[in-house]
Amino acid sequence: MGSHQLDDVDRGILHLLQEDARNNSAADIAEEVGVAPNTVRNRIERLEDAGVIEGYHPHINYEQAGYQLHVTFICTVPIAERQSFAADALEIDGVIRVVEALSGKDNLAVEAVGETTNDLTEVSTRLESIGCDITGERFTRSTRVQPFDHFGVEVVE
């Protein structure tokens, strides 16, 4: 799929959705970017259809949800098969995100959560069973997220 040309309205919509998709209504966004609410709804639908918006995901505090262990397994997989390994890793219970690196030895990062160390041992065992070479582990204390400012911060300020 090719890239989608974004105008100021699109960028403003994306910025506000990144800030708080749950509590920014079409009317709220419309007021900020200077268009009608129906225009915002139509633009969001077009951005979804074009693949610019791939979904809406809650930012979960896993520790508060009872999963106090949060780890990223750094893995090496064959570059030509990286996409397949990423898909297989997502099927493992406890895995919440997989990031593919373009190249290099450590080319797959698999993020997982668990209640106990046994849960994470099971994840690492499953990763090894599908052929991932785990080269490191990084335990996460906290995660912070912010909107990518190039998407319309100047439109809504």
N, C-alpha and C. Protein backbone atom coordinates (compact mmCIF):
# COMPACT_ATOMS: atom_id res chain seq x y z
N MET A 1 0.85 -1.17 0.00
CA MET A 1 0.00 0.00 0.00
C MET A 1 0.89 1.23 0.00
N GLY A 2 0.61 2.19 -0.85
CA GLY A 2 1.40 3.41 -0.94
C GLY A 2 1.08 4.36 0.19
N SER A 3 1.85 5.43 0.26
CA SER A 3 1.61 6.39 1.33
C SER A 3 0.40 7.26 0.97
N HIS A 4 -0.22 7.79 1.99
CA HIS A 4 -1.42 8.61 1.85
C HIS A 4 -1.02 10.06 2.11
N GLN A 5 -1.39 10.96 1.21
CA GLN A 5 -1.09 12.39 1.40
C GLN A 5 -1.98 12.96 2.49
N LEU A 6 -1.36 13.56 3.48
CA LEU A 6 -2.10 14.15 4.59
C LEU A 6 -2.12 15.66 4.45
N ASP A 7 -3.30 16.26 4.64
CA ASP A 7 -3.36 17.71 4.68
C ASP A 7 -3.44 18.15 6.15
N ASP A 8 -3.58 19.44 6.39
CA ASP A 8 -3.59 19.96 7.76
C ASP A 8 -4.74 19.38 8.59
N VAL A 9 -5.90 19.21 7.97
CA VAL A 9 -7.05 18.66 8.71
C VAL A 9 -6.74 17.22 9.14
N ASP A 10 -6.21 16.42 8.22
CA ASP A 10 -5.85 15.04 8.56
C ASP A 10 -4.83 15.01 9.70
N ARG A 11 -3.81 15.83 9.59
CA ARG A 11 -2.77 15.85 10.62
C ARG A 11 -3.33 16.29 11.97
N GLY A 12 -4.22 17.27 11.96
CA GLY A 12 -4.85 17.71 13.20
C GLY A 12 -5.69 16.60 13.82
N ILE A 13 -6.44 15.90 12.99
CA ILE A 13 -7.25 14.78 13.46
C ILE A 13 -6.36 13.71 14.08
N LEU A 14 -5.29 13.35 13.38
CA LEU A 14 -4.38 12.33 13.89
C LEU A 14 -3.75 12.74 15.21
N HIS A 15 -3.36 14.01 15.30
CA HIS A 15 -2.76 14.49 16.54
C HIS A 15 -3.73 14.35 17.71
N LEU A 16 -4.96 14.78 17.52
CA LEU A 16 -5.95 14.73 18.60
C LEU A 16 -6.35 13.30 18.95
N LEU A 17 -6.41 12.43 17.96
CA LEU A 17 -6.71 11.03 18.24
C LEU A 17 -5.58 10.39 19.04
N GLN A 18 -4.34 10.74 18.71
CA GLN A 18 -3.20 10.21 19.47
C GLN A 18 -3.20 10.72 20.90
N GLU A 19 -3.59 11.97 21.08
CA GLU A 19 -3.65 12.52 22.44
C GLU A 19 -4.67 11.80 23.29
N ASP A 20 -5.87 11.56 22.73
CA ASP A 20 -6.93 10.93 23.50
C ASP A 20 -8.07 10.54 22.57
N ALA A 21 -7.96 9.39 21.95
CA ALA A 21 -8.98 8.95 21.00
C ALA A 21 -10.31 8.67 21.68
N ARG A 22 -10.26 8.26 22.92
CA ARG A 22 -11.49 7.90 23.62
C ARG A 22 -12.35 9.11 23.96
N ASN A 23 -11.72 10.21 24.36
CA ASN A 23 -12.48 11.35 24.86
C ASN A 23 -12.54 12.53 23.89
N ASN A 24 -11.99 12.41 22.71
CA ASN A 24 -12.10 13.46 21.69
C ASN A 24 -13.18 13.06 20.70
N SER A 25 -14.35 13.65 20.83
CA SER A 25 -15.45 13.33 19.92
C SER A 25 -15.21 14.02 18.57
N ALA A 26 -15.98 13.62 17.57
CA ALA A 26 -15.88 14.27 16.26
C ALA A 26 -16.15 15.77 16.39
N ALA A 27 -17.09 16.15 17.25
CA ALA A 27 -17.40 17.57 17.46
C ALA A 27 -16.22 18.30 18.11
N ASP A 28 -15.58 17.66 19.09
CA ASP A 28 -14.41 18.27 19.74
C ASP A 28 -13.27 18.47 18.73
N ILE A 29 -13.01 17.44 17.94
CA ILE A 29 -11.94 17.51 16.95
C ILE A 29 -12.27 18.56 15.90
N ALA A 30 -13.53 18.58 15.45
CA ALA A 30 -13.96 19.55 14.44
C ALA A 30 -13.71 20.98 14.90
N GLU A 31 -14.02 21.25 16.15
CA GLU A 31 -13.81 22.60 16.69
C GLU A 31 -12.31 22.96 16.68
N GLU A 32 -11.47 22.01 16.99
CA GLU A 32 -10.02 22.26 17.04
C GLU A 32 -9.41 22.46 15.65
N VAL A 33 -9.89 21.71 14.65
CA VAL A 33 -9.28 21.78 13.31
C VAL A 33 -10.05 22.68 12.35
N GLY A 34 -11.21 23.19 12.78
CA GLY A 34 -11.93 24.16 11.97
C GLY A 34 -12.78 23.60 10.84
N VAL A 35 -13.36 22.42 11.06
CA VAL A 35 -14.25 21.84 10.05
C VAL A 35 -15.51 21.32 10.77
N ALA A 36 -16.47 20.81 10.00
CA ALA A 36 -17.70 20.27 10.57
C ALA A 36 -17.45 18.87 11.14
N PRO A 37 -18.22 18.47 12.16
CA PRO A 37 -18.07 17.13 12.73
C PRO A 37 -18.22 16.01 11.70
N ASN A 38 -19.13 16.20 10.74
CA ASN A 38 -19.30 15.18 9.70
C ASN A 38 -18.03 15.04 8.85
N THR A 39 -17.36 16.15 8.61
CA THR A 39 -16.10 16.12 7.87
C THR A 39 -15.07 15.30 8.64
N VAL A 40 -15.02 15.47 9.95
CA VAL A 40 -14.08 14.71 10.78
C VAL A 40 -14.40 13.22 10.67
N ARG A 41 -15.68 12.86 10.80
CA ARG A 41 -16.05 11.44 10.70
C ARG A 41 -15.66 10.87 9.34
N ASN A 42 -15.91 11.63 8.26
CA ASN A 42 -15.55 11.16 6.92
C ASN A 42 -14.03 11.03 6.77
N ARG A 43 -13.29 11.99 7.30
CA ARG A 43 -11.82 11.94 7.22
C ARG A 43 -11.27 10.75 7.99
N ILE A 44 -11.82 10.50 9.18
CA ILE A 44 -11.36 9.34 9.97
C ILE A 44 -11.62 8.05 9.19
N GLU A 45 -12.79 7.95 8.59
CA GLU A 45 -13.11 6.75 7.81
C GLU A 45 -12.14 6.59 6.64
N ARG A 46 -11.81 7.69 5.95
CA ARG A 46 -10.85 7.62 4.84
C ARG A 46 -9.45 7.22 5.34
N LEU A 47 -9.05 7.77 6.49
CA LEU A 47 -7.74 7.43 7.06
C LEU A 47 -7.69 5.96 7.47
N GLU A 48 -8.80 5.44 7.95
CA GLU A 48 -8.87 4.01 8.28
C GLU A 48 -8.81 3.17 7.01
N ASP A 49 -9.60 3.54 6.00
CA ASP A 49 -9.62 2.80 4.73
C ASP A 49 -8.26 2.80 4.04
N ALA A 50 -7.52 3.90 4.18
CA ALA A 50 -6.20 4.02 3.55
C ALA A 50 -5.12 3.31 4.35
N GLY A 51 -5.46 2.82 5.55
CA GLY A 51 -4.48 2.13 6.37
C GLY A 51 -3.61 3.06 7.20
N VAL A 52 -3.92 4.36 7.21
CA VAL A 52 -3.16 5.29 8.04
C VAL A 52 -3.51 5.04 9.50
N ILE A 53 -4.79 4.88 9.81
CA ILE A 53 -5.22 4.49 11.15
C ILE A 53 -5.49 2.99 11.09
N GLU A 54 -4.71 2.24 11.86
CA GLU A 54 -4.83 0.78 11.84
C GLU A 54 -5.69 0.24 12.97
N GLY A 55 -5.98 1.06 13.96
CA GLY A 55 -6.81 0.59 15.06
C GLY A 55 -6.73 1.55 16.23
N TYR A 56 -7.45 1.22 17.27
CA TYR A 56 -7.49 2.01 18.49
C TYR A 56 -7.20 1.05 19.64
N HIS A 57 -6.19 1.37 20.41
CA HIS A 57 -5.74 0.45 21.45
C HIS A 57 -5.63 1.18 22.79
N PRO A 58 -6.12 0.54 23.84
CA PRO A 58 -5.95 1.16 25.17
C PRO A 58 -4.50 1.05 25.61
N HIS A 59 -4.04 2.01 26.37
CA HIS A 59 -2.72 1.95 26.99
C HIS A 59 -2.92 1.33 28.36
N ILE A 60 -2.53 0.07 28.51
CA ILE A 60 -2.83 -0.70 29.71
C ILE A 60 -1.65 -0.65 30.68
N ASN A 61 -1.95 -0.41 31.93
CA ASN A 61 -0.97 -0.53 33.00
C ASN A 61 -1.05 -1.99 33.44
N TYR A 62 -0.13 -2.82 32.92
CA TYR A 62 -0.19 -4.26 33.19
C TYR A 62 0.01 -4.58 34.66
N GLU A 63 0.84 -3.80 35.35
CA GLU A 63 1.05 -4.05 36.77
C GLU A 63 -0.26 -3.89 37.54
N GLN A 64 -1.01 -2.83 37.23
CA GLN A 64 -2.30 -2.60 37.88
C GLN A 64 -3.30 -3.71 37.53
N ALA A 65 -3.12 -4.33 36.38
CA ALA A 65 -4.02 -5.41 35.94
C ALA A 65 -3.59 -6.77 36.48
N GLY A 66 -2.54 -6.79 37.30
CA GLY A 66 -2.11 -8.05 37.91
C GLY A 66 -0.96 -8.74 37.22
N TYR A 67 -0.40 -8.11 36.21
CA TYR A 67 0.74 -8.69 35.48
C TYR A 67 1.97 -7.85 35.78
N GLN A 68 2.55 -8.07 36.96
CA GLN A 68 3.63 -7.22 37.44
C GLN A 68 4.94 -7.44 36.70
N LEU A 69 5.09 -8.53 35.97
CA LEU A 69 6.32 -8.78 35.22
C LEU A 69 6.11 -8.43 33.75
N HIS A 70 6.95 -7.55 33.25
CA HIS A 70 6.85 -7.03 31.88
C HIS A 70 8.26 -7.07 31.31
N VAL A 71 8.47 -7.88 30.30
CA VAL A 71 9.83 -8.09 29.78
C VAL A 71 9.83 -8.03 28.26
N THR A 72 10.95 -7.58 27.72
CA THR A 72 11.17 -7.63 26.28
C THR A 72 12.31 -8.62 26.02
N PHE A 73 12.01 -9.65 25.25
CA PHE A 73 13.02 -10.62 24.84
C PHE A 73 13.64 -10.13 23.53
N ILE A 74 14.94 -9.97 23.52
CA ILE A 74 15.66 -9.56 22.31
C ILE A 74 16.09 -10.85 21.61
N CYS A 75 15.68 -10.99 20.36
CA CYS A 75 15.90 -12.25 19.64
C CYS A 75 16.61 -12.03 18.31
N THR A 76 17.22 -13.09 17.84
CA THR A 76 17.78 -13.12 16.50
C THR A 76 17.05 -14.20 15.72
N VAL A 77 16.57 -13.83 14.55
CA VAL A 77 15.91 -14.77 13.64
C VAL A 77 16.45 -14.50 12.23
N PRO A 78 16.31 -15.47 11.32
CA PRO A 78 16.75 -15.22 9.93
C PRO A 78 15.97 -14.04 9.34
N ILE A 79 16.68 -13.09 8.75
CA ILE A 79 16.05 -11.88 8.23
C ILE A 79 14.94 -12.21 7.23
N ALA A 80 15.18 -13.16 6.35
CA ALA A 80 14.20 -13.49 5.32
C ALA A 80 12.91 -14.06 5.91
N GLU A 81 12.98 -14.59 7.14
CA GLU A 81 11.81 -15.20 7.77
C GLU A 81 11.29 -14.37 8.95
N ARG A 82 11.82 -13.18 9.12
CA ARG A 82 11.50 -12.35 10.27
C ARG A 82 9.99 -12.12 10.42
N GLN A 83 9.30 -11.84 9.33
CA GLN A 83 7.87 -11.57 9.38
C GLN A 83 7.10 -12.79 9.89
N SER A 84 7.48 -13.95 9.44
CA SER A 84 6.84 -15.18 9.88
C SER A 84 7.09 -15.44 11.36
N PHE A 85 8.32 -15.22 11.81
CA PHE A 85 8.63 -15.38 13.23
C PHE A 85 7.82 -14.40 14.07
N ALA A 86 7.67 -13.17 13.60
CA ALA A 86 6.91 -12.16 14.33
C ALA A 86 5.45 -12.61 14.48
N ALA A 87 4.87 -13.11 13.42
CA ALA A 87 3.49 -13.59 13.48
C ALA A 87 3.35 -14.77 14.44
N ASP A 88 4.31 -15.70 14.38
CA ASP A 88 4.27 -16.86 15.29
C ASP A 88 4.44 -16.43 16.74
N ALA A 89 5.30 -15.47 16.99
CA ALA A 89 5.53 -15.00 18.37
C ALA A 89 4.26 -14.37 18.94
N LEU A 90 3.50 -13.66 18.11
CA LEU A 90 2.25 -13.04 18.59
C LEU A 90 1.21 -14.06 19.03
N GLU A 91 1.35 -15.29 18.58
CA GLU A 91 0.40 -16.35 18.95
C GLU A 91 0.69 -16.93 20.33
N ILE A 92 1.82 -16.58 20.93
CA ILE A 92 2.21 -17.13 22.23
C ILE A 92 1.47 -16.39 23.34
N ASP A 93 0.86 -17.13 24.26
CA ASP A 93 0.16 -16.53 25.40
C ASP A 93 1.12 -15.66 26.20
N GLY A 94 0.70 -14.44 26.50
CA GLY A 94 1.53 -13.51 27.25
C GLY A 94 2.26 -12.50 26.39
N VAL A 95 2.41 -12.76 25.11
CA VAL A 95 3.08 -11.82 24.21
C VAL A 95 2.10 -10.72 23.84
N ILE A 96 2.53 -9.46 24.03
CA ILE A 96 1.64 -8.33 23.76
C ILE A 96 2.09 -7.48 22.58
N ARG A 97 3.37 -7.61 22.19
CA ARG A 97 3.84 -6.80 21.05
C ARG A 97 5.11 -7.42 20.51
N VAL A 98 5.28 -7.32 19.20
CA VAL A 98 6.50 -7.78 18.54
C VAL A 98 6.96 -6.67 17.62
N VAL A 99 8.24 -6.33 17.72
CA VAL A 99 8.83 -5.28 16.89
C VAL A 99 9.92 -5.91 16.04
N GLU A 100 9.82 -5.71 14.72
CA GLU A 100 10.83 -6.20 13.79
C GLU A 100 11.84 -5.10 13.49
N ALA A 101 13.13 -5.41 13.62
CA ALA A 101 14.18 -4.48 13.21
C ALA A 101 14.52 -4.78 11.75
N LEU A 102 14.94 -3.77 11.02
CA LEU A 102 15.22 -3.94 9.59
C LEU A 102 16.38 -4.89 9.33
N SER A 103 17.40 -4.82 10.16
CA SER A 103 18.57 -5.65 9.94
C SER A 103 19.31 -5.84 11.25
N GLY A 104 20.41 -6.52 11.19
CA GLY A 104 21.24 -6.70 12.37
C GLY A 104 20.96 -8.01 13.07
N LYS A 105 21.82 -8.30 14.01
CA LYS A 105 21.73 -9.56 14.76
C LYS A 105 20.48 -9.60 15.63
N ASP A 106 20.26 -8.57 16.41
CA ASP A 106 19.09 -8.51 17.30
C ASP A 106 17.93 -7.87 16.53
N ASN A 107 17.22 -8.70 15.75
CA ASN A 107 16.26 -8.15 14.80
C ASN A 107 14.79 -8.39 15.14
N LEU A 108 14.53 -8.91 16.34
CA LEU A 108 13.15 -9.13 16.76
C LEU A 108 13.06 -8.86 18.26
N ALA A 109 12.16 -7.98 18.66
CA ALA A 109 11.93 -7.70 20.07
C ALA A 109 10.52 -8.17 20.41
N VAL A 110 10.42 -9.06 21.38
CA VAL A 110 9.14 -9.66 21.75
C VAL A 110 8.81 -9.23 23.17
N GLU A 111 7.74 -8.45 23.30
CA GLU A 111 7.33 -7.93 24.59
C GLU A 111 6.25 -8.84 25.17
N ALA A 112 6.44 -9.21 26.44
CA ALA A 112 5.50 -10.13 27.09
C ALA A 112 5.24 -9.68 28.53
N VAL A 113 4.09 -10.11 29.05
CA VAL A 113 3.74 -9.84 30.45
C VAL A 113 3.35 -11.16 31.12
N GLY A 114 3.51 -11.17 32.44
CA GLY A 114 3.13 -12.35 33.19
C GLY A 114 2.94 -12.02 34.66
N GLU A 115 2.25 -12.93 35.33
CA GLU A 115 2.04 -12.77 36.77
C GLU A 115 3.22 -13.33 37.56
N THR A 116 3.85 -14.37 37.01
CA THR A 116 4.95 -15.04 37.72
C THR A 116 6.13 -15.24 36.76
N THR A 117 7.28 -15.56 37.35
CA THR A 117 8.44 -15.86 36.51
C THR A 117 8.20 -17.11 35.67
N ASN A 118 7.37 -18.03 36.16
CA ASN A 118 7.03 -19.22 35.37
C ASN A 118 6.32 -18.83 34.07
N ASP A 119 5.47 -17.79 34.14
CA ASP A 119 4.78 -17.32 32.93
C ASP A 119 5.79 -16.87 31.88
N LEU A 120 6.80 -16.12 32.32
CA LEU A 120 7.81 -15.61 31.38
C LEU A 120 8.74 -16.71 30.92
N THR A 121 9.00 -17.68 31.78
CA THR A 121 9.80 -18.84 31.36
C THR A 121 9.07 -19.59 30.25
N GLU A 122 7.77 -19.71 30.38
CA GLU A 122 6.97 -20.37 29.34
C GLU A 122 7.05 -19.61 28.02
N VAL A 123 6.99 -18.28 28.08
CA VAL A 123 7.11 -17.48 26.86
C VAL A 123 8.48 -17.71 26.22
N SER A 124 9.54 -17.65 27.01
CA SER A 124 10.88 -17.83 26.45
C SER A 124 11.06 -19.24 25.88
N THR A 125 10.50 -20.23 26.55
CA THR A 125 10.57 -21.61 26.05
C THR A 125 9.85 -21.74 24.72
N ARG A 126 8.69 -21.12 24.62
CA ARG A 126 7.93 -21.16 23.36
C ARG A 126 8.66 -20.42 22.24
N LEU A 127 9.27 -19.26 22.58
CA LEU A 127 10.04 -18.53 21.58
C LEU A 127 11.18 -19.40 21.04
N GLU A 128 11.89 -20.05 21.94
CA GLU A 128 12.97 -20.94 21.50
C GLU A 128 12.45 -22.10 20.68
N SER A 129 11.26 -22.61 21.02
CA SER A 129 10.71 -23.75 20.29
C SER A 129 10.31 -23.40 18.86
N ILE A 130 10.02 -22.11 18.59
CA ILE A 130 9.69 -21.73 17.21
C ILE A 130 10.94 -21.30 16.44
N GLY A 131 12.10 -21.31 17.12
CA GLY A 131 13.35 -21.02 16.43
C GLY A 131 13.97 -19.67 16.71
N CYS A 132 13.44 -18.93 17.67
CA CYS A 132 14.04 -17.65 18.04
C CYS A 132 15.25 -17.88 18.93
N ASP A 133 16.34 -17.21 18.62
CA ASP A 133 17.52 -17.25 19.47
C ASP A 133 17.46 -16.03 20.39
N ILE A 134 17.15 -16.24 21.67
CA ILE A 134 17.03 -15.13 22.61
C ILE A 134 18.43 -14.69 23.02
N THR A 135 18.76 -13.43 22.71
CA THR A 135 20.10 -12.92 23.01
C THR A 135 20.11 -11.99 24.22
N GLY A 136 18.92 -11.62 24.72
CA GLY A 136 18.86 -10.76 25.89
C GLY A 136 17.44 -10.58 26.36
N GLU A 137 17.33 -10.07 27.58
CA GLU A 137 16.03 -9.76 28.18
C GLU A 137 16.12 -8.39 28.83
N ARG A 138 15.05 -7.64 28.72
CA ARG A 138 15.01 -6.32 29.36
C ARG A 138 13.67 -6.19 30.08
N PHE A 139 13.74 -6.07 31.41
CA PHE A 139 12.53 -5.89 32.20
C PHE A 139 12.11 -4.43 32.16
N THR A 140 10.81 -4.20 32.01
CA THR A 140 10.27 -2.85 31.88
C THR A 140 9.73 -2.38 33.23
N ARG A 141 10.13 -1.19 33.60
CA ARG A 141 9.60 -0.58 34.83
C ARG A 141 8.32 0.20 34.52
N SER A 142 8.37 1.06 33.47
CA SER A 142 7.19 1.83 33.07
C SER A 142 7.35 2.22 31.60
N THR A 143 6.24 2.60 31.01
CA THR A 143 6.22 3.02 29.61
C THR A 143 5.47 4.33 29.53
N ARG A 144 6.00 5.25 28.75
CA ARG A 144 5.32 6.53 28.51
C ARG A 144 5.14 6.69 27.00
N VAL A 145 4.01 7.25 26.62
CA VAL A 145 3.69 7.40 25.21
C VAL A 145 3.23 8.83 24.98
N GLN A 146 3.57 9.37 23.82
CA GLN A 146 3.09 10.70 23.46
C GLN A 146 2.78 10.72 21.97
N PRO A 147 1.96 11.66 21.53
CA PRO A 147 1.67 11.78 20.10
C PRO A 147 2.92 12.17 19.33
N PHE A 148 2.99 11.70 18.10
CA PHE A 148 4.04 12.13 17.18
C PHE A 148 3.70 13.55 16.77
N ASP A 149 4.48 14.53 17.24
CA ASP A 149 4.13 15.94 17.09
C ASP A 149 4.01 16.43 15.66
N HIS A 150 4.61 15.72 14.73
CA HIS A 150 4.52 16.18 13.34
C HIS A 150 3.12 16.00 12.76
N PHE A 151 2.25 15.26 13.45
CA PHE A 151 0.89 15.12 12.99
C PHE A 151 0.02 16.21 13.58
N GLY A 152 0.12 17.38 13.07
CA GLY A 152 -0.87 18.40 13.31
C GLY A 152 -0.81 19.17 14.60
N VAL A 153 0.28 19.15 15.33
CA VAL A 153 0.34 19.93 16.56
C VAL A 153 0.14 21.41 16.25
N GLU A 154 0.66 21.86 15.11
CA GLU A 154 0.52 23.26 14.74
C GLU A 154 -0.91 23.61 14.32
N VAL A 155 -1.67 22.61 13.92
CA VAL A 155 -3.05 22.83 13.49
C VAL A 155 -3.95 23.07 14.69
N VAL A 156 -3.69 22.38 15.80
CA VAL A 156 -4.59 22.44 16.94
C VAL A 156 -4.12 23.40 18.03
N GLU A 157 -2.95 23.98 17.88
CA GLU A 157 -2.48 24.93 18.90
C GLU A 157 -2.90 26.33 18.57
